[in-house]
Amino acid sequence: MKFAGTANLPGPPEEVWSLLTDASRLSRLLPGCERLEADGPDRYKAAVKFGIAAISGKYAGTLEFAHKKPPHSLVIKMDGKGLPGFVKGEGRIDLAPRGSETELSYSGEAQVGGLIASVGQRMLDAAARRIVQQFFEAAKAELASAKSAAPEPSSPPTAHREGN
């Protein structure tokens, strides 16, 4: 299954990069992610729960960042297995400034097998689109909340003189 698309996220590429490469923040964005913990440099153990149609289950696997060019691009590799089957994929992410936002372009390919593959290509495509949409909605919310939590830059102190 191939996938590609774009999304505009609030903030400069450096902020989006930070969000995508921080495991604690990234785990909150990934639909169904129950755990994402370090397993070496740029490599994480993951536990995810999700379902398609009547087939649902837990997957355990890895997520790895490769070919990192901060804050412009990276490759994400994933591999997961569970009772409903397996998923293995690789995707490239490119970040480009667009005014006050960042355009995130992604493309890649994933293979699924086992019982989950039996739901059919149309169901898999619809589920993948829903997962991607949920991820970007969560990313937008996370970036917006980080921006609103950041202290406003204070104005420089002004000198007061007492008049004589």
N, C-alpha and C. Protein backbone atom coordinates (compact mmCIF):
# COMPACT_ATOMS: atom_id res chain seq x y z
N MET A 1 0.85 -1.16 0.00
CA MET A 1 0.00 0.00 0.00
C MET A 1 0.90 1.24 0.00
N LYS A 2 0.70 2.11 -0.98
CA LYS A 2 1.47 3.35 -1.05
C LYS A 2 0.63 4.48 -0.46
N PHE A 3 1.33 5.48 0.08
CA PHE A 3 0.64 6.63 0.65
C PHE A 3 1.47 7.87 0.40
N ALA A 4 0.78 9.00 0.28
CA ALA A 4 1.45 10.29 0.08
C ALA A 4 0.45 11.39 0.36
N GLY A 5 0.95 12.54 0.74
CA GLY A 5 0.08 13.68 0.98
C GLY A 5 0.85 14.84 1.57
N THR A 6 0.11 15.88 1.89
CA THR A 6 0.69 17.07 2.52
C THR A 6 -0.26 17.55 3.61
N ALA A 7 0.31 18.29 4.53
CA ALA A 7 -0.48 18.93 5.59
C ALA A 7 0.24 20.20 6.00
N ASN A 8 -0.52 21.21 6.34
CA ASN A 8 0.05 22.46 6.86
C ASN A 8 -0.10 22.45 8.37
N LEU A 9 1.01 22.68 9.05
CA LEU A 9 1.02 22.69 10.51
C LEU A 9 1.45 24.07 11.00
N PRO A 10 0.85 24.53 12.11
CA PRO A 10 1.19 25.85 12.62
C PRO A 10 2.60 25.86 13.21
N GLY A 11 3.36 26.85 12.83
CA GLY A 11 4.70 27.01 13.38
C GLY A 11 5.78 26.77 12.34
N PRO A 12 7.01 27.18 12.67
CA PRO A 12 8.14 27.02 11.75
C PRO A 12 8.61 25.56 11.73
N PRO A 13 9.39 25.19 10.70
CA PRO A 13 9.88 23.81 10.59
C PRO A 13 10.62 23.32 11.84
N GLU A 14 11.34 24.20 12.53
CA GLU A 14 12.08 23.78 13.73
C GLU A 14 11.13 23.26 14.82
N GLU A 15 9.97 23.91 14.98
CA GLU A 15 9.00 23.46 15.98
C GLU A 15 8.35 22.15 15.56
N VAL A 16 8.02 22.03 14.28
CA VAL A 16 7.42 20.79 13.78
C VAL A 16 8.43 19.64 13.90
N TRP A 17 9.68 19.90 13.56
CA TRP A 17 10.74 18.90 13.69
C TRP A 17 10.84 18.42 15.13
N SER A 18 10.85 19.35 16.06
CA SER A 18 10.95 19.02 17.47
C SER A 18 9.79 18.12 17.89
N LEU A 19 8.59 18.43 17.43
CA LEU A 19 7.42 17.62 17.75
C LEU A 19 7.55 16.21 17.20
N LEU A 20 7.97 16.09 15.96
CA LEU A 20 8.04 14.78 15.30
C LEU A 20 9.14 13.89 15.85
N THR A 21 10.19 14.48 16.40
CA THR A 21 11.34 13.67 16.84
C THR A 21 11.44 13.53 18.36
N ASP A 22 10.47 14.04 19.09
CA ASP A 22 10.43 13.90 20.54
C ASP A 22 9.46 12.76 20.86
N ALA A 23 10.00 11.62 21.32
CA ALA A 23 9.19 10.41 21.53
C ALA A 23 8.02 10.64 22.47
N SER A 24 8.21 11.41 23.54
CA SER A 24 7.11 11.61 24.49
C SER A 24 5.97 12.40 23.85
N ARG A 25 6.30 13.37 23.03
CA ARG A 25 5.25 14.14 22.35
C ARG A 25 4.66 13.34 21.19
N LEU A 26 5.52 12.66 20.43
CA LEU A 26 5.07 11.87 19.29
C LEU A 26 4.09 10.78 19.72
N SER A 27 4.33 10.17 20.87
CA SER A 27 3.45 9.09 21.33
C SER A 27 2.03 9.58 21.55
N ARG A 28 1.86 10.85 21.89
CA ARG A 28 0.52 11.41 22.08
C ARG A 28 -0.19 11.66 20.76
N LEU A 29 0.55 11.74 19.68
CA LEU A 29 -0.03 12.03 18.37
C LEU A 29 -0.45 10.78 17.62
N LEU A 30 0.23 9.68 17.87
CA LEU A 30 -0.01 8.45 17.12
C LEU A 30 -1.29 7.77 17.60
N PRO A 31 -2.30 7.65 16.76
CA PRO A 31 -3.55 7.01 17.17
C PRO A 31 -3.30 5.59 17.69
N GLY A 32 -3.84 5.30 18.87
CA GLY A 32 -3.72 3.97 19.45
C GLY A 32 -2.40 3.66 20.12
N CYS A 33 -1.48 4.63 20.14
CA CYS A 33 -0.16 4.38 20.74
C CYS A 33 -0.30 4.28 22.25
N GLU A 34 0.12 3.13 22.78
CA GLU A 34 0.09 2.92 24.22
C GLU A 34 1.46 3.12 24.85
N ARG A 35 2.52 2.95 24.05
CA ARG A 35 3.86 3.10 24.60
C ARG A 35 4.84 3.37 23.45
N LEU A 36 5.80 4.25 23.71
CA LEU A 36 6.89 4.53 22.77
C LEU A 36 8.10 4.86 23.64
N GLU A 37 9.03 3.90 23.71
CA GLU A 37 10.18 4.10 24.59
C GLU A 37 11.48 3.82 23.85
N ALA A 38 12.51 4.55 24.24
CA ALA A 38 13.82 4.47 23.58
C ALA A 38 14.37 3.05 23.62
N ASP A 39 14.97 2.65 22.49
CA ASP A 39 15.60 1.35 22.36
C ASP A 39 16.91 1.51 21.61
N GLY A 40 17.58 2.64 21.81
CA GLY A 40 18.81 2.96 21.10
C GLY A 40 18.68 4.31 20.45
N PRO A 41 19.77 4.79 19.84
CA PRO A 41 19.71 6.10 19.18
C PRO A 41 18.69 6.08 18.03
N ASP A 42 17.73 6.99 18.08
CA ASP A 42 16.72 7.15 17.04
C ASP A 42 15.91 5.88 16.80
N ARG A 43 15.82 5.01 17.79
CA ARG A 43 15.05 3.77 17.66
C ARG A 43 14.18 3.60 18.92
N TYR A 44 12.93 3.21 18.70
CA TYR A 44 11.96 3.13 19.79
C TYR A 44 11.16 1.83 19.71
N LYS A 45 10.85 1.28 20.88
CA LYS A 45 9.92 0.16 20.98
C LYS A 45 8.53 0.78 21.08
N ALA A 46 7.59 0.19 20.37
CA ALA A 46 6.25 0.75 20.35
C ALA A 46 5.22 -0.33 20.67
N ALA A 47 4.14 0.08 21.31
CA ALA A 47 2.97 -0.77 21.53
C ALA A 47 1.76 0.05 21.07
N VAL A 48 1.02 -0.50 20.13
CA VAL A 48 -0.10 0.22 19.52
C VAL A 48 -1.32 -0.70 19.50
N LYS A 49 -2.47 -0.10 19.72
CA LYS A 49 -3.73 -0.85 19.65
C LYS A 49 -4.64 -0.13 18.67
N PHE A 50 -5.09 -0.86 17.65
CA PHE A 50 -6.09 -0.29 16.76
C PHE A 50 -6.80 -1.41 16.02
N GLY A 51 -7.87 -1.05 15.34
CA GLY A 51 -8.64 -2.03 14.63
C GLY A 51 -9.17 -1.50 13.32
N ILE A 52 -9.46 -2.44 12.44
CA ILE A 52 -10.08 -2.12 11.16
C ILE A 52 -11.26 -3.07 11.02
N ALA A 53 -12.43 -2.52 10.78
CA ALA A 53 -13.66 -3.30 10.71
C ALA A 53 -13.79 -4.09 12.01
N ALA A 54 -14.04 -5.39 11.94
CA ALA A 54 -14.23 -6.20 13.15
C ALA A 54 -12.91 -6.77 13.67
N ILE A 55 -11.81 -6.42 13.03
CA ILE A 55 -10.51 -6.96 13.42
C ILE A 55 -9.74 -5.90 14.18
N SER A 56 -9.50 -6.18 15.45
CA SER A 56 -8.71 -5.24 16.24
C SER A 56 -7.72 -6.02 17.08
N GLY A 57 -6.71 -5.32 17.52
CA GLY A 57 -5.71 -5.99 18.34
C GLY A 57 -4.56 -5.09 18.68
N LYS A 58 -3.62 -5.67 19.38
CA LYS A 58 -2.42 -4.95 19.80
C LYS A 58 -1.25 -5.37 18.93
N TYR A 59 -0.39 -4.40 18.68
CA TYR A 59 0.83 -4.63 17.91
C TYR A 59 2.02 -4.18 18.73
N ALA A 60 3.08 -4.95 18.66
CA ALA A 60 4.34 -4.56 19.29
C ALA A 60 5.36 -4.47 18.17
N GLY A 61 6.22 -3.48 18.23
CA GLY A 61 7.19 -3.34 17.16
C GLY A 61 8.18 -2.23 17.43
N THR A 62 8.74 -1.72 16.35
CA THR A 62 9.75 -0.68 16.45
C THR A 62 9.43 0.47 15.52
N LEU A 63 9.93 1.62 15.90
CA LEU A 63 9.86 2.84 15.11
C LEU A 63 11.28 3.39 15.08
N GLU A 64 11.76 3.73 13.91
CA GLU A 64 13.14 4.20 13.78
C GLU A 64 13.21 5.42 12.88
N PHE A 65 14.01 6.40 13.30
CA PHE A 65 14.28 7.58 12.49
C PHE A 65 15.59 7.36 11.75
N ALA A 66 15.60 7.65 10.46
CA ALA A 66 16.81 7.49 9.66
C ALA A 66 16.97 8.67 8.71
N HIS A 67 18.16 8.83 8.19
CA HIS A 67 18.45 9.87 7.19
C HIS A 67 17.94 11.24 7.64
N LYS A 68 18.22 11.58 8.90
CA LYS A 68 17.75 12.84 9.48
C LYS A 68 18.56 14.02 8.94
N LYS A 69 17.84 15.04 8.49
CA LYS A 69 18.44 16.30 8.05
C LYS A 69 17.64 17.42 8.71
N PRO A 70 17.92 17.67 10.01
CA PRO A 70 17.13 18.67 10.76
C PRO A 70 17.23 20.06 10.16
N PRO A 71 16.19 20.82 10.14
CA PRO A 71 14.79 20.49 10.34
C PRO A 71 14.06 20.29 9.02
N HIS A 72 14.70 19.63 8.07
CA HIS A 72 14.15 19.56 6.71
C HIS A 72 13.52 18.23 6.33
N SER A 73 14.15 17.11 6.71
CA SER A 73 13.60 15.83 6.28
C SER A 73 14.10 14.68 7.15
N LEU A 74 13.35 13.59 7.11
CA LEU A 74 13.74 12.36 7.78
C LEU A 74 12.94 11.21 7.20
N VAL A 75 13.43 10.02 7.46
CA VAL A 75 12.74 8.80 7.07
C VAL A 75 12.33 8.09 8.35
N ILE A 76 11.09 7.62 8.38
CA ILE A 76 10.59 6.86 9.52
C ILE A 76 10.34 5.43 9.05
N LYS A 77 10.94 4.49 9.77
CA LYS A 77 10.75 3.06 9.48
C LYS A 77 9.96 2.45 10.62
N MET A 78 8.98 1.61 10.28
CA MET A 78 8.20 0.97 11.33
C MET A 78 8.01 -0.50 10.99
N ASP A 79 7.86 -1.26 12.06
CA ASP A 79 7.69 -2.70 11.92
C ASP A 79 6.89 -3.16 13.13
N GLY A 80 5.76 -3.81 12.92
CA GLY A 80 4.94 -4.26 14.04
C GLY A 80 4.26 -5.58 13.75
N LYS A 81 4.08 -6.36 14.82
CA LYS A 81 3.41 -7.65 14.71
C LYS A 81 2.43 -7.80 15.85
N GLY A 82 1.35 -8.50 15.57
CA GLY A 82 0.35 -8.79 16.59
C GLY A 82 -0.52 -9.94 16.13
N LEU A 83 -1.47 -10.35 16.95
CA LEU A 83 -2.35 -11.46 16.57
C LEU A 83 -3.09 -11.20 15.26
N PRO A 84 -3.53 -9.95 14.99
CA PRO A 84 -4.26 -9.73 13.73
C PRO A 84 -3.35 -9.71 12.49
N GLY A 85 -2.03 -9.77 12.66
CA GLY A 85 -1.15 -9.75 11.49
C GLY A 85 0.08 -8.91 11.72
N PHE A 86 0.60 -8.36 10.62
CA PHE A 86 1.80 -7.54 10.73
C PHE A 86 1.67 -6.32 9.84
N VAL A 87 2.47 -5.33 10.15
CA VAL A 87 2.58 -4.13 9.33
C VAL A 87 4.06 -3.75 9.29
N LYS A 88 4.52 -3.40 8.13
CA LYS A 88 5.90 -2.98 7.96
C LYS A 88 5.89 -1.84 6.95
N GLY A 89 6.60 -0.76 7.25
CA GLY A 89 6.57 0.36 6.33
C GLY A 89 7.72 1.32 6.50
N GLU A 90 7.82 2.19 5.53
CA GLU A 90 8.84 3.23 5.54
C GLU A 90 8.27 4.45 4.86
N GLY A 91 8.50 5.61 5.46
CA GLY A 91 7.98 6.84 4.88
C GLY A 91 8.97 7.98 5.01
N ARG A 92 8.94 8.87 4.06
CA ARG A 92 9.80 10.05 4.08
C ARG A 92 8.94 11.27 4.40
N ILE A 93 9.48 12.13 5.25
CA ILE A 93 8.82 13.38 5.62
C ILE A 93 9.73 14.53 5.23
N ASP A 94 9.16 15.52 4.55
CA ASP A 94 9.87 16.75 4.18
C ASP A 94 9.12 17.93 4.78
N LEU A 95 9.87 18.86 5.36
CA LEU A 95 9.29 20.06 5.97
C LEU A 95 9.77 21.29 5.21
N ALA A 96 8.82 22.19 4.89
CA ALA A 96 9.17 23.42 4.18
C ALA A 96 8.38 24.58 4.79
N PRO A 97 9.05 25.73 5.03
CA PRO A 97 8.33 26.88 5.58
C PRO A 97 7.35 27.44 4.56
N ARG A 98 6.16 27.79 5.04
CA ARG A 98 5.13 28.43 4.22
C ARG A 98 4.53 29.54 5.05
N GLY A 99 5.17 30.70 5.04
CA GLY A 99 4.72 31.81 5.88
C GLY A 99 4.94 31.45 7.34
N SER A 100 3.88 31.54 8.15
CA SER A 100 4.00 31.21 9.58
C SER A 100 3.75 29.73 9.84
N GLU A 101 3.53 28.96 8.78
CA GLU A 101 3.26 27.54 8.91
C GLU A 101 4.39 26.71 8.29
N THR A 102 4.27 25.40 8.48
CA THR A 102 5.18 24.45 7.85
C THR A 102 4.37 23.50 7.00
N GLU A 103 4.78 23.34 5.75
CA GLU A 103 4.14 22.34 4.91
C GLU A 103 4.90 21.03 5.11
N LEU A 104 4.18 20.01 5.56
CA LEU A 104 4.75 18.69 5.75
C LEU A 104 4.29 17.82 4.58
N SER A 105 5.24 17.31 3.82
CA SER A 105 4.94 16.39 2.73
C SER A 105 5.41 15.01 3.15
N TYR A 106 4.61 14.01 2.87
CA TYR A 106 4.99 12.65 3.24
C TYR A 106 4.69 11.69 2.09
N SER A 107 5.50 10.65 2.02
CA SER A 107 5.28 9.59 1.03
C SER A 107 5.94 8.33 1.56
N GLY A 108 5.39 7.21 1.17
CA GLY A 108 5.97 5.96 1.62
C GLY A 108 5.17 4.77 1.17
N GLU A 109 5.51 3.65 1.77
CA GLU A 109 4.86 2.41 1.42
C GLU A 109 4.78 1.53 2.66
N ALA A 110 3.69 0.80 2.79
CA ALA A 110 3.51 -0.11 3.91
C ALA A 110 2.97 -1.44 3.38
N GLN A 111 3.39 -2.50 4.05
CA GLN A 111 2.87 -3.82 3.74
C GLN A 111 2.12 -4.31 4.98
N VAL A 112 0.98 -4.93 4.75
CA VAL A 112 0.23 -5.54 5.84
C VAL A 112 -0.03 -6.99 5.46
N GLY A 113 -0.08 -7.84 6.48
CA GLY A 113 -0.34 -9.24 6.22
C GLY A 113 -1.09 -9.87 7.37
N GLY A 114 -1.52 -11.08 7.15
CA GLY A 114 -2.27 -11.78 8.17
C GLY A 114 -3.75 -11.46 8.08
N LEU A 115 -4.45 -11.67 9.16
CA LEU A 115 -5.89 -11.48 9.21
C LEU A 115 -6.29 -10.06 8.84
N ILE A 116 -5.50 -9.08 9.27
CA ILE A 116 -5.85 -7.68 8.99
C ILE A 116 -5.87 -7.39 7.48
N ALA A 117 -5.05 -8.08 6.72
CA ALA A 117 -5.02 -7.88 5.27
C ALA A 117 -6.29 -8.40 4.61
N SER A 118 -7.02 -9.28 5.30
CA SER A 118 -8.22 -9.87 4.72
C SER A 118 -9.39 -8.89 4.62
N VAL A 119 -9.30 -7.72 5.26
CA VAL A 119 -10.41 -6.77 5.20
C VAL A 119 -10.51 -6.10 3.84
N GLY A 120 -9.47 -6.20 3.04
CA GLY A 120 -9.53 -5.65 1.70
C GLY A 120 -8.87 -4.29 1.58
N GLN A 121 -8.45 -4.00 0.37
CA GLN A 121 -7.69 -2.78 0.09
C GLN A 121 -8.49 -1.52 0.37
N ARG A 122 -9.78 -1.51 0.03
CA ARG A 122 -10.58 -0.30 0.25
C ARG A 122 -10.71 0.03 1.72
N MET A 123 -10.91 -0.99 2.55
CA MET A 123 -11.00 -0.77 4.00
C MET A 123 -9.66 -0.33 4.56
N LEU A 124 -8.57 -0.94 4.09
CA LEU A 124 -7.24 -0.55 4.55
C LEU A 124 -6.94 0.89 4.18
N ASP A 125 -7.26 1.27 2.95
CA ASP A 125 -7.02 2.66 2.51
C ASP A 125 -7.82 3.64 3.36
N ALA A 126 -9.09 3.32 3.62
CA ALA A 126 -9.94 4.21 4.43
C ALA A 126 -9.39 4.31 5.85
N ALA A 127 -8.95 3.19 6.42
CA ALA A 127 -8.40 3.21 7.78
C ALA A 127 -7.11 4.02 7.82
N ALA A 128 -6.27 3.85 6.81
CA ALA A 128 -5.00 4.60 6.76
C ALA A 128 -5.27 6.10 6.67
N ARG A 129 -6.23 6.51 5.84
CA ARG A 129 -6.58 7.94 5.72
C ARG A 129 -7.08 8.48 7.06
N ARG A 130 -7.90 7.69 7.77
CA ARG A 130 -8.43 8.12 9.06
C ARG A 130 -7.30 8.28 10.08
N ILE A 131 -6.35 7.35 10.11
CA ILE A 131 -5.22 7.41 11.03
C ILE A 131 -4.37 8.64 10.74
N VAL A 132 -4.09 8.90 9.47
CA VAL A 132 -3.29 10.06 9.07
C VAL A 132 -4.01 11.35 9.47
N GLN A 133 -5.33 11.40 9.24
CA GLN A 133 -6.11 12.59 9.60
C GLN A 133 -6.06 12.81 11.12
N GLN A 134 -6.23 11.77 11.90
CA GLN A 134 -6.19 11.89 13.36
C GLN A 134 -4.81 12.36 13.82
N PHE A 135 -3.74 11.84 13.19
CA PHE A 135 -2.38 12.24 13.54
C PHE A 135 -2.19 13.74 13.31
N PHE A 136 -2.59 14.23 12.14
CA PHE A 136 -2.39 15.65 11.84
C PHE A 136 -3.28 16.55 12.69
N GLU A 137 -4.49 16.12 13.03
CA GLU A 137 -5.33 16.91 13.93
C GLU A 137 -4.66 17.01 15.30
N ALA A 138 -4.11 15.89 15.78
CA ALA A 138 -3.42 15.89 17.08
C ALA A 138 -2.15 16.75 17.02
N ALA A 139 -1.42 16.70 15.89
CA ALA A 139 -0.20 17.50 15.74
C ALA A 139 -0.54 18.99 15.76
N LYS A 140 -1.59 19.38 15.06
CA LYS A 140 -2.01 20.79 15.05
C LYS A 140 -2.38 21.25 16.46
N ALA A 141 -3.13 20.42 17.17
CA ALA A 141 -3.54 20.77 18.53
C ALA A 141 -2.33 20.87 19.46
N GLU A 142 -1.38 19.95 19.32
CA GLU A 142 -0.18 19.96 20.17
C GLU A 142 0.66 21.20 19.89
N LEU A 143 0.84 21.55 18.64
CA LEU A 143 1.62 22.75 18.29
C LEU A 143 0.91 24.02 18.78
N ALA A 144 -0.41 24.06 18.64
CA ALA A 144 -1.17 25.23 19.10
C ALA A 144 -1.10 25.36 20.61
N SER A 145 -1.20 24.23 21.34
CA SER A 145 -1.15 24.31 22.81
C SER A 145 0.25 24.67 23.28
N ALA A 146 1.27 24.20 22.59
CA ALA A 146 2.64 24.58 22.96
C ALA A 146 2.85 26.07 22.74
N LYS A 147 2.28 26.59 21.67
CA LYS A 147 2.41 28.02 21.37
C LYS A 147 1.68 28.87 22.40
N SER A 148 0.48 28.42 22.82
CA SER A 148 -0.27 29.21 23.80
C SER A 148 0.32 29.08 25.20
N ALA A 149 1.06 28.01 25.47
CA ALA A 149 1.69 27.83 26.78
C ALA A 149 3.01 28.58 26.89
N ALA A 150 3.59 28.92 25.74
CA ALA A 150 4.88 29.63 25.75
C ALA A 150 4.66 31.04 26.28
N PRO A 151 5.58 31.51 27.13
CA PRO A 151 5.42 32.87 27.65
C PRO A 151 5.59 33.89 26.52
N GLU A 152 4.82 34.92 26.60
CA GLU A 152 4.93 36.01 25.63
C GLU A 152 6.25 36.74 25.84
N PRO A 153 6.90 37.14 24.76
CA PRO A 153 8.14 37.90 24.95
C PRO A 153 7.83 39.19 25.69
N SER A 154 8.59 39.47 26.69
CA SER A 154 8.33 40.69 27.47
C SER A 154 9.03 41.86 26.80
N SER A 155 8.45 43.02 27.00
CA SER A 155 9.07 44.21 26.43
C SER A 155 10.25 44.62 27.31
N PRO A 156 11.25 45.25 26.72
CA PRO A 156 12.42 45.63 27.52
C PRO A 156 12.02 46.62 28.60
N PRO A 157 12.71 46.55 29.73
CA PRO A 157 12.37 47.48 30.81
C PRO A 157 12.64 48.91 30.36
N THR A 158 11.81 49.79 30.84
CA THR A 158 12.01 51.20 30.50
C THR A 158 12.60 51.91 31.72
N ALA A 159 13.45 52.85 31.46
CA ALA A 159 14.09 53.61 32.54
C ALA A 159 13.17 54.77 32.91
N HIS A 160 12.99 54.95 34.18
CA HIS A 160 12.18 56.08 34.65
C HIS A 160 13.12 57.07 35.35
N ARG A 161 12.92 58.32 35.00
CA ARG A 161 13.72 59.37 35.67
C ARG A 161 12.79 60.26 36.44
N GLU A 162 13.24 60.58 37.56
CA GLU A 162 12.48 61.52 38.38
C GLU A 162 12.79 62.93 37.89
N GLY A 163 11.78 63.68 37.66
CA GLY A 163 11.98 65.07 37.22
C GLY A 163 12.36 65.98 38.39
N ASN A 164 13.18 67.00 38.14
CA ASN A 164 13.57 67.96 39.20
C ASN A 164 12.81 69.21 39.04
